[in-house]
Amino acid sequence: MMERDFSVVAIKVNCSGSWANLVTVPAARYDEVKAACTVLAGAHRGPIRFKAIDAAGGVIEEYSPMPPSGICEWHEPRHRR
């Protein structure tokens, strides 16, 4: 099995029902970009989601509502059925 490539991280955004590419950053700036996305989410009027994608297309984390509170935060992806 190949190891995942975390050298770059792509951030995708969804605020209208479709995912769009937002930025692709070097892994060294990942925490900084996550923090910026959190600030953007706080300023945005309405629901917004982000997800971080590794170089192979796998989801690293997502920023979305967490049950039961419904408060948005960064978390590991939930497996969809």
PDB file of N, CA and C in Angstrom:
ATOM      1  N   MET A   1       0.830  -1.175   0.000  1.00  0.00           N
ATOM      2  CA  MET A   1       0.000   0.000   0.000  1.00  0.00           C
ATOM      3  C   MET A   1       0.881   1.247   0.000  1.00  0.00           C
ATOM      4  N   MET A   2       0.549   2.220  -0.857  1.00  0.00           N
ATOM      5  CA  MET A   2       1.322   3.455  -0.944  1.00  0.00           C
ATOM      6  C   MET A   2       1.015   4.358   0.249  1.00  0.00           C
ATOM      7  N   GLU A   3       2.050   5.068   0.703  1.00  0.00           N
ATOM      8  CA  GLU A   3       1.835   6.037   1.769  1.00  0.00           C
ATOM      9  C   GLU A   3       1.178   7.278   1.194  1.00  0.00           C
ATOM     10  N   ARG A   4       0.350   7.918   2.001  1.00  0.00           N
ATOM     11  CA  ARG A   4      -0.328   9.124   1.551  1.00  0.00           C
ATOM     12  C   ARG A   4       0.662  10.273   1.447  1.00  0.00           C
ATOM     13  N   ASP A   5       0.464  11.105   0.448  1.00  0.00           N
ATOM     14  CA  ASP A   5       1.324  12.261   0.198  1.00  0.00           C
ATOM     15  C   ASP A   5       0.701  13.485   0.863  1.00  0.00           C
ATOM     16  N   PHE A   6       1.334  13.957   1.922  1.00  0.00           N
ATOM     17  CA  PHE A   6       0.840  15.131   2.638  1.00  0.00           C
ATOM     18  C   PHE A   6       1.689  16.365   2.337  1.00  0.00           C
ATOM     19  N   SER A   7       2.445  16.367   1.230  1.00  0.00           N
ATOM     20  CA  SER A   7       3.318  17.501   0.929  1.00  0.00           C
ATOM     21  C   SER A   7       2.532  18.759   0.584  1.00  0.00           C
ATOM     22  N   VAL A   8       1.363  18.591  -0.007  1.00  0.00           N
ATOM     23  CA  VAL A   8       0.469  19.715  -0.287  1.00  0.00           C
ATOM     24  C   VAL A   8      -0.933  19.346   0.176  1.00  0.00           C
ATOM     25  N   VAL A   9      -1.693  20.362   0.507  1.00  0.00           N
ATOM     26  CA  VAL A   9      -3.067  20.164   0.954  1.00  0.00           C
ATOM     27  C   VAL A   9      -3.962  21.095   0.148  1.00  0.00           C
ATOM     28  N   ALA A  10      -5.021  20.544  -0.415  1.00  0.00           N
ATOM     29  CA  ALA A  10      -6.012  21.350  -1.129  1.00  0.00           C
ATOM     30  C   ALA A  10      -7.181  21.600  -0.186  1.00  0.00           C
ATOM     31  N   ILE A  11      -7.639  22.829  -0.147  1.00  0.00           N
ATOM     32  CA  ILE A  11      -8.812  23.180   0.650  1.00  0.00           C
ATOM     33  C   ILE A  11      -9.970  23.407  -0.313  1.00  0.00           C
ATOM     34  N   LYS A  12     -11.071  22.734  -0.043  1.00  0.00           N
ATOM     35  CA  LYS A  12     -12.289  22.906  -0.834  1.00  0.00           C
ATOM     36  C   LYS A  12     -13.328  23.589   0.042  1.00  0.00           C
ATOM     37  N   VAL A  13     -14.246  24.317  -0.591  1.00  0.00           N
ATOM     38  CA  VAL A  13     -15.278  25.055   0.130  1.00  0.00           C
ATOM     39  C   VAL A  13     -16.641  24.730  -0.462  1.00  0.00           C
ATOM     40  N   ASN A  14     -17.653  24.719   0.395  1.00  0.00           N
ATOM     41  CA  ASN A  14     -19.027  24.481  -0.042  1.00  0.00           C
ATOM     42  C   ASN A  14     -19.929  25.440   0.726  1.00  0.00           C
ATOM     43  N   CYS A  15     -20.515  26.387  -0.001  1.00  0.00           N
ATOM     44  CA  CYS A  15     -21.455  27.305   0.649  1.00  0.00           C
ATOM     45  C   CYS A  15     -22.746  27.426  -0.151  1.00  0.00           C
ATOM     46  N   SER A  16     -22.851  26.637  -1.217  1.00  0.00           N
ATOM     47  CA  SER A  16     -24.065  26.716  -2.039  1.00  0.00           C
ATOM     48  C   SER A  16     -24.475  25.363  -2.601  1.00  0.00           C
ATOM     49  N   GLY A  17     -24.010  24.286  -1.981  1.00  0.00           N
ATOM     50  CA  GLY A  17     -24.413  22.958  -2.414  1.00  0.00           C
ATOM     51  C   GLY A  17     -23.415  22.225  -3.285  1.00  0.00           C
ATOM     52  N   SER A  18     -22.348  22.901  -3.713  1.00  0.00           N
ATOM     53  CA  SER A  18     -21.320  22.261  -4.541  1.00  0.00           C
ATOM     54  C   SER A  18     -19.944  22.556  -3.956  1.00  0.00           C
ATOM     55  N   TRP A  19     -19.051  21.589  -4.095  1.00  0.00           N
ATOM     56  CA  TRP A  19     -17.678  21.778  -3.631  1.00  0.00           C
ATOM     57  C   TRP A  19     -16.877  22.494  -4.709  1.00  0.00           C
ATOM     58  N   ALA A  20     -16.065  23.474  -4.288  1.00  0.00           N
ATOM     59  CA  ALA A  20     -15.188  24.215  -5.198  1.00  0.00           C
ATOM     60  C   ALA A  20     -13.790  24.262  -4.596  1.00  0.00           C
ATOM     61  N   ASN A  21     -12.772  24.254  -5.459  1.00  0.00           N
ATOM     62  CA  ASN A  21     -11.400  24.401  -4.993  1.00  0.00           C
ATOM     63  C   ASN A  21     -11.209  25.820  -4.479  1.00  0.00           C
ATOM     64  N   LEU A  22     -10.625  25.948  -3.307  1.00  0.00           N
ATOM     65  CA  LEU A  22     -10.354  27.267  -2.737  1.00  0.00           C
ATOM     66  C   LEU A  22      -8.872  27.598  -2.871  1.00  0.00           C
ATOM     67  N   VAL A  23      -8.009  26.794  -2.264  1.00  0.00           N
ATOM     68  CA  VAL A  23      -6.559  27.004  -2.343  1.00  0.00           C
ATOM     69  C   VAL A  23      -5.847  25.663  -2.230  1.00  0.00           C
ATOM     70  N   THR A  24      -4.620  25.614  -2.738  1.00  0.00           N
ATOM     71  CA  THR A  24      -3.718  24.481  -2.524  1.00  0.00           C
ATOM     72  C   THR A  24      -2.465  25.061  -1.891  1.00  0.00           C
ATOM     73  N   VAL A  25      -2.070  24.490  -0.756  1.00  0.00           N
ATOM     74  CA  VAL A  25      -0.981  25.067   0.026  1.00  0.00           C
ATOM     75  C   VAL A  25       0.038  24.000   0.407  1.00  0.00           C
ATOM     76  N   PRO A  26       1.283  24.415   0.669  1.00  0.00           N
ATOM     77  CA  PRO A  26       2.254  23.461   1.193  1.00  0.00           C
ATOM     78  C   PRO A  26       1.817  23.006   2.582  1.00  0.00           C
ATOM     79  N   ALA A  27       2.118  21.787   2.915  1.00  0.00           N
ATOM     80  CA  ALA A  27       1.701  21.217   4.199  1.00  0.00           C
ATOM     81  C   ALA A  27       2.179  22.052   5.383  1.00  0.00           C
ATOM     82  N   ALA A  28       3.305  22.712   5.247  1.00  0.00           N
ATOM     83  CA  ALA A  28       3.846  23.524   6.340  1.00  0.00           C
ATOM     84  C   ALA A  28       2.923  24.686   6.714  1.00  0.00           C
ATOM     85  N   ARG A  29       2.016  25.070   5.817  1.00  0.00           N
ATOM     86  CA  ARG A  29       1.106  26.203   6.083  1.00  0.00           C
ATOM     87  C   ARG A  29      -0.313  25.743   6.393  1.00  0.00           C
ATOM     88  N   TYR A  30      -0.508  24.440   6.537  1.00  0.00           N
ATOM     89  CA  TYR A  30      -1.845  23.869   6.724  1.00  0.00           C
ATOM     90  C   TYR A  30      -2.574  24.455   7.934  1.00  0.00           C
ATOM     91  N   ASP A  31      -1.928  24.502   9.093  1.00  0.00           N
ATOM     92  CA  ASP A  31      -2.591  25.018  10.299  1.00  0.00           C
ATOM     93  C   ASP A  31      -2.986  26.482  10.134  1.00  0.00           C
ATOM     94  N   GLU A  32      -2.123  27.253   9.509  1.00  0.00           N
ATOM     95  CA  GLU A  32      -2.400  28.667   9.258  1.00  0.00           C
ATOM     96  C   GLU A  32      -3.624  28.834   8.344  1.00  0.00           C
ATOM     97  N   VAL A  33      -3.711  28.018   7.310  1.00  0.00           N
ATOM     98  CA  VAL A  33      -4.829  28.097   6.370  1.00  0.00           C
ATOM     99  C   VAL A  33      -6.124  27.612   7.025  1.00  0.00           C
ATOM    100  N   LYS A  34      -6.045  26.562   7.847  1.00  0.00           N
ATOM    101  CA  LYS A  34      -7.232  26.117   8.595  1.00  0.00           C
ATOM    102  C   LYS A  34      -7.766  27.240   9.475  1.00  0.00           C
ATOM    103  N   ALA A  35      -6.875  27.935  10.152  1.00  0.00           N
ATOM    104  CA  ALA A  35      -7.292  29.045  11.010  1.00  0.00           C
ATOM    105  C   ALA A  35      -7.951  30.147  10.182  1.00  0.00           C
ATOM    106  N   ALA A  36      -7.405  30.432   9.008  1.00  0.00           N
ATOM    107  CA  ALA A  36      -7.998  31.447   8.130  1.00  0.00           C
ATOM    108  C   ALA A  36      -9.391  31.024   7.672  1.00  0.00           C
ATOM    109  N   CYS A  37      -9.565  29.752   7.360  1.00  0.00           N
ATOM    110  CA  CYS A  37     -10.883  29.245   6.953  1.00  0.00           C
ATOM    111  C   CYS A  37     -11.892  29.384   8.091  1.00  0.00           C
ATOM    112  N   THR A  38     -11.445  29.143   9.312  1.00  0.00           N
ATOM    113  CA  THR A  38     -12.328  29.284  10.470  1.00  0.00           C
ATOM    114  C   THR A  38     -12.774  30.737  10.623  1.00  0.00           C
ATOM    115  N   VAL A  39     -11.864  31.677  10.399  1.00  0.00           N
ATOM    116  CA  VAL A  39     -12.215  33.102  10.454  1.00  0.00           C
ATOM    117  C   VAL A  39     -13.198  33.441   9.341  1.00  0.00           C
ATOM    118  N   LEU A  40     -12.949  32.945   8.131  1.00  0.00           N
ATOM    119  CA  LEU A  40     -13.882  33.179   7.014  1.00  0.00           C
ATOM    120  C   LEU A  40     -15.269  32.637   7.337  1.00  0.00           C
ATOM    121  N   ALA A  41     -15.319  31.459   7.932  1.00  0.00           N
ATOM    122  CA  ALA A  41     -16.611  30.858   8.276  1.00  0.00           C
ATOM    123  C   ALA A  41     -17.374  31.736   9.261  1.00  0.00           C
ATOM    124  N   GLY A  42     -16.663  32.323  10.211  1.00  0.00           N
ATOM    125  CA  GLY A  42     -17.299  33.196  11.186  1.00  0.00           C
ATOM    126  C   GLY A  42     -17.840  34.472  10.572  1.00  0.00           C
ATOM    127  N   ALA A  43     -17.209  34.930   9.498  1.00  0.00           N
ATOM    128  CA  ALA A  43     -17.639  36.160   8.834  1.00  0.00           C
ATOM    129  C   ALA A  43     -18.705  35.916   7.775  1.00  0.00           C
ATOM    130  N   HIS A  44     -18.809  34.675   7.313  1.00  0.00           N
ATOM    131  CA  HIS A  44     -19.742  34.340   6.231  1.00  0.00           C
ATOM    132  C   HIS A  44     -21.183  34.366   6.724  1.00  0.00           C
ATOM    133  N   ARG A  45     -22.060  34.865   5.892  1.00  0.00           N
ATOM    134  CA  ARG A  45     -23.487  34.897   6.227  1.00  0.00           C
ATOM    135  C   ARG A  45     -24.120  33.623   5.689  1.00  0.00           C
ATOM    136  N   GLY A  46     -24.418  32.707   6.577  1.00  0.00           N
ATOM    137  CA  GLY A  46     -25.017  31.444   6.165  1.00  0.00           C
ATOM    138  C   GLY A  46     -24.084  30.280   6.400  1.00  0.00           C
ATOM    139  N   PRO A  47     -24.557  29.074   6.073  1.00  0.00           N
ATOM    140  CA  PRO A  47     -23.735  27.880   6.307  1.00  0.00           C
ATOM    141  C   PRO A  47     -22.572  27.786   5.320  1.00  0.00           C
ATOM    142  N   ILE A  48     -21.470  27.255   5.800  1.00  0.00           N
ATOM    143  CA  ILE A  48     -20.289  27.048   4.960  1.00  0.00           C
ATOM    144  C   ILE A  48     -19.546  25.832   5.499  1.00  0.00           C
ATOM    145  N   ARG A  49     -18.929  25.081   4.598  1.00  0.00           N
ATOM    146  CA  ARG A  49     -18.138  23.903   4.969  1.00  0.00           C
ATOM    147  C   ARG A  49     -16.818  23.958   4.216  1.00  0.00           C
ATOM    148  N   PHE A  50     -15.799  23.394   4.837  1.00  0.00           N
ATOM    149  CA  PHE A  50     -14.490  23.257   4.210  1.00  0.00           C
ATOM    150  C   PHE A  50     -14.057  21.812   4.355  1.00  0.00           C
ATOM    151  N   LYS A  51     -13.215  21.358   3.432  1.00  0.00           N
ATOM    152  CA  LYS A  51     -12.539  20.080   3.642  1.00  0.00           C
ATOM    153  C   LYS A  51     -11.125  20.175   3.111  1.00  0.00           C
ATOM    154  N   ALA A  52     -10.232  19.477   3.804  1.00  0.00           N
ATOM    155  CA  ALA A  52      -8.820  19.436   3.452  1.00  0.00           C
ATOM    156  C   ALA A  52      -8.546  18.104   2.775  1.00  0.00           C
ATOM    157  N   ILE A  53      -7.908  18.170   1.605  1.00  0.00           N
ATOM    158  CA  ILE A  53      -7.668  16.998   0.768  1.00  0.00           C
ATOM    159  C   ILE A  53      -6.163  16.799   0.587  1.00  0.00           C
ATOM    160  N   ASP A  54      -5.684  15.561   0.760  1.00  0.00           N
ATOM    161  CA  ASP A  54      -4.262  15.292   0.526  1.00  0.00           C
ATOM    162  C   ASP A  54      -3.990  15.185  -0.975  1.00  0.00           C
ATOM    163  N   ALA A  55      -2.717  15.033  -1.338  1.00  0.00           N
ATOM    164  CA  ALA A  55      -2.326  15.015  -2.750  1.00  0.00           C
ATOM    165  C   ALA A  55      -2.946  13.864  -3.536  1.00  0.00           C
ATOM    166  N   ALA A  56      -3.346  12.795  -2.847  1.00  0.00           N
ATOM    167  CA  ALA A  56      -3.957  11.644  -3.520  1.00  0.00           C
ATOM    168  C   ALA A  56      -5.483  11.747  -3.589  1.00  0.00           C
ATOM    169  N   GLY A  57      -6.046  12.822  -3.037  1.00  0.00           N
ATOM    170  CA  GLY A  57      -7.493  13.008  -3.093  1.00  0.00           C
ATOM    171  C   GLY A  57      -8.252  12.540  -1.871  1.00  0.00           C
ATOM    172  N   GLY A  58      -7.548  12.070  -0.846  1.00  0.00           N
ATOM    173  CA  GLY A  58      -8.213  11.621   0.377  1.00  0.00           C
ATOM    174  C   GLY A  58      -8.525  12.779   1.308  1.00  0.00           C
ATOM    175  N   VAL A  59      -9.643  12.694   2.004  1.00  0.00           N
ATOM    176  CA  VAL A  59     -10.036  13.750   2.939  1.00  0.00           C
ATOM    177  C   VAL A  59      -9.250  13.596   4.241  1.00  0.00           C
ATOM    178  N   ILE A  60      -8.566  14.657   4.639  1.00  0.00           N
ATOM    179  CA  ILE A  60      -7.801  14.682   5.885  1.00  0.00           C
ATOM    180  C   ILE A  60      -8.708  15.111   7.032  1.00  0.00           C
ATOM    181  N   GLU A  61      -9.368  16.241   6.846  1.00  0.00           N
ATOM    182  CA  GLU A  61     -10.272  16.806   7.851  1.00  0.00           C
ATOM    183  C   GLU A  61     -11.371  17.562   7.136  1.00  0.00           C
ATOM    184  N   GLU A  62     -12.445  17.837   7.867  1.00  0.00           N
ATOM    185  CA  GLU A  62     -13.478  18.710   7.326  1.00  0.00           C
ATOM    186  C   GLU A  62     -13.959  19.658   8.415  1.00  0.00           C
ATOM    187  N   TYR A  63     -14.450  20.804   7.985  1.00  0.00           N
ATOM    188  CA  TYR A  63     -15.018  21.804   8.880  1.00  0.00           C
ATOM    189  C   TYR A  63     -16.502  21.828   8.589  1.00  0.00           C
ATOM    190  N   SER A  64     -17.278  21.312   9.530  1.00  0.00           N
ATOM    191  CA  SER A  64     -18.723  21.207   9.339  1.00  0.00           C
ATOM    192  C   SER A  64     -19.379  21.025  10.700  1.00  0.00           C
ATOM    193  N   PRO A  65     -20.726  21.113  10.756  1.00  0.00           N
ATOM    194  CA  PRO A  65     -21.415  20.959  12.039  1.00  0.00           C
ATOM    195  C   PRO A  65     -21.194  19.574  12.647  1.00  0.00           C
ATOM    196  N   MET A  66     -20.981  19.566  13.958  1.00  0.00           N
ATOM    197  CA  MET A  66     -20.803  18.312  14.693  1.00  0.00           C
ATOM    198  C   MET A  66     -22.015  18.071  15.580  1.00  0.00           C
ATOM    199  N   PRO A  67     -22.580  16.855  15.514  1.00  0.00           N
ATOM    200  CA  PRO A  67     -23.685  16.542  16.415  1.00  0.00           C
ATOM    201  C   PRO A  67     -23.158  16.385  17.845  1.00  0.00           C
ATOM    202  N   PRO A  68     -23.910  16.568  18.871  1.00  0.00           N
ATOM    203  CA  PRO A  68     -25.316  16.973  18.820  1.00  0.00           C
ATOM    204  C   PRO A  68     -25.497  18.486  18.799  1.00  0.00           C
ATOM    205  N   SER A  69     -24.401  19.258  19.017  1.00  0.00           N
ATOM    206  CA  SER A  69     -24.533  20.710  19.165  1.00  0.00           C
ATOM    207  C   SER A  69     -24.806  21.429  17.849  1.00  0.00           C
ATOM    208  N   GLY A  70     -24.317  20.860  16.744  1.00  0.00           N
ATOM    209  CA  GLY A  70     -24.460  21.520  15.454  1.00  0.00           C
ATOM    210  C   GLY A  70     -23.449  22.632  15.235  1.00  0.00           C
ATOM    211  N   ILE A  71     -22.503  22.772  16.168  1.00  0.00           N
ATOM    212  CA  ILE A  71     -21.472  23.799  16.038  1.00  0.00           C
ATOM    213  C   ILE A  71     -20.414  23.312  15.053  1.00  0.00           C
ATOM    214  N   CYS A  72     -20.013  24.201  14.136  1.00  0.00           N
ATOM    215  CA  CYS A  72     -18.992  23.840  13.151  1.00  0.00           C
ATOM    216  C   CYS A  72     -17.614  23.825  13.798  1.00  0.00           C
ATOM    217  N   GLU A  73     -16.832  22.812  13.445  1.00  0.00           N
ATOM    218  CA  GLU A  73     -15.447  22.701  13.889  1.00  0.00           C
ATOM    219  C   GLU A  73     -14.714  21.760  12.951  1.00  0.00           C
ATOM    220  N   TRP A  74     -13.374  21.797  13.012  1.00  0.00           N
ATOM    221  CA  TRP A  74     -12.560  20.877  12.226  1.00  0.00           C
ATOM    222  C   TRP A  74     -12.587  19.507  12.895  1.00  0.00           C
ATOM    223  N   HIS A  75     -12.769  18.454  12.100  1.00  0.00           N
ATOM    224  CA  HIS A  75     -12.818  17.091  12.632  1.00  0.00           C
ATOM    225  C   HIS A  75     -12.466  16.105  11.528  1.00  0.00           C
ATOM    226  N   GLU A  76     -12.167  14.873  11.944  1.00  0.00           N
ATOM    227  CA  GLU A  76     -11.931  13.808  10.963  1.00  0.00           C
ATOM    228  C   GLU A  76     -13.214  13.575  10.190  1.00  0.00           C
ATOM    229  N   PRO A  77     -13.092  13.163   8.928  1.00  0.00           N
ATOM    230  CA  PRO A  77     -14.313  12.952   8.137  1.00  0.00           C
ATOM    231  C   PRO A  77     -15.170  11.838   8.715  1.00  0.00           C
ATOM    232  N   ARG A  78     -16.462  12.061   8.650  1.00  0.00           N
ATOM    233  CA  ARG A  78     -17.408  11.013   9.049  1.00  0.00           C
ATOM    234  C   ARG A  78     -17.626  10.136   7.830  1.00  0.00           C
ATOM    235  N   HIS A  79     -17.691   8.855   8.060  1.00  0.00           N
ATOM    236  CA  HIS A  79     -17.921   7.937   6.948  1.00  0.00           C
ATOM    237  C   HIS A  79     -19.392   7.950   6.586  1.00  0.00           C
ATOM    238  N   ARG A  80     -19.652   8.197   5.325  1.00  0.00           N
ATOM    239  CA  ARG A  80     -21.028   8.236   4.844  1.00  0.00           C
ATOM    240  C   ARG A  80     -21.470   6.833   4.454  1.00  0.00           C
ATOM    241  N   ARG A  81     -22.725   6.521   4.673  1.00  0.00           N
ATOM    242  CA  ARG A  81     -23.246   5.197   4.326  1.00  0.00           C
ATOM    243  C   ARG A  81     -23.800   5.187   2.939  1.00  0.00           C
TER     244      ARG A  81
END
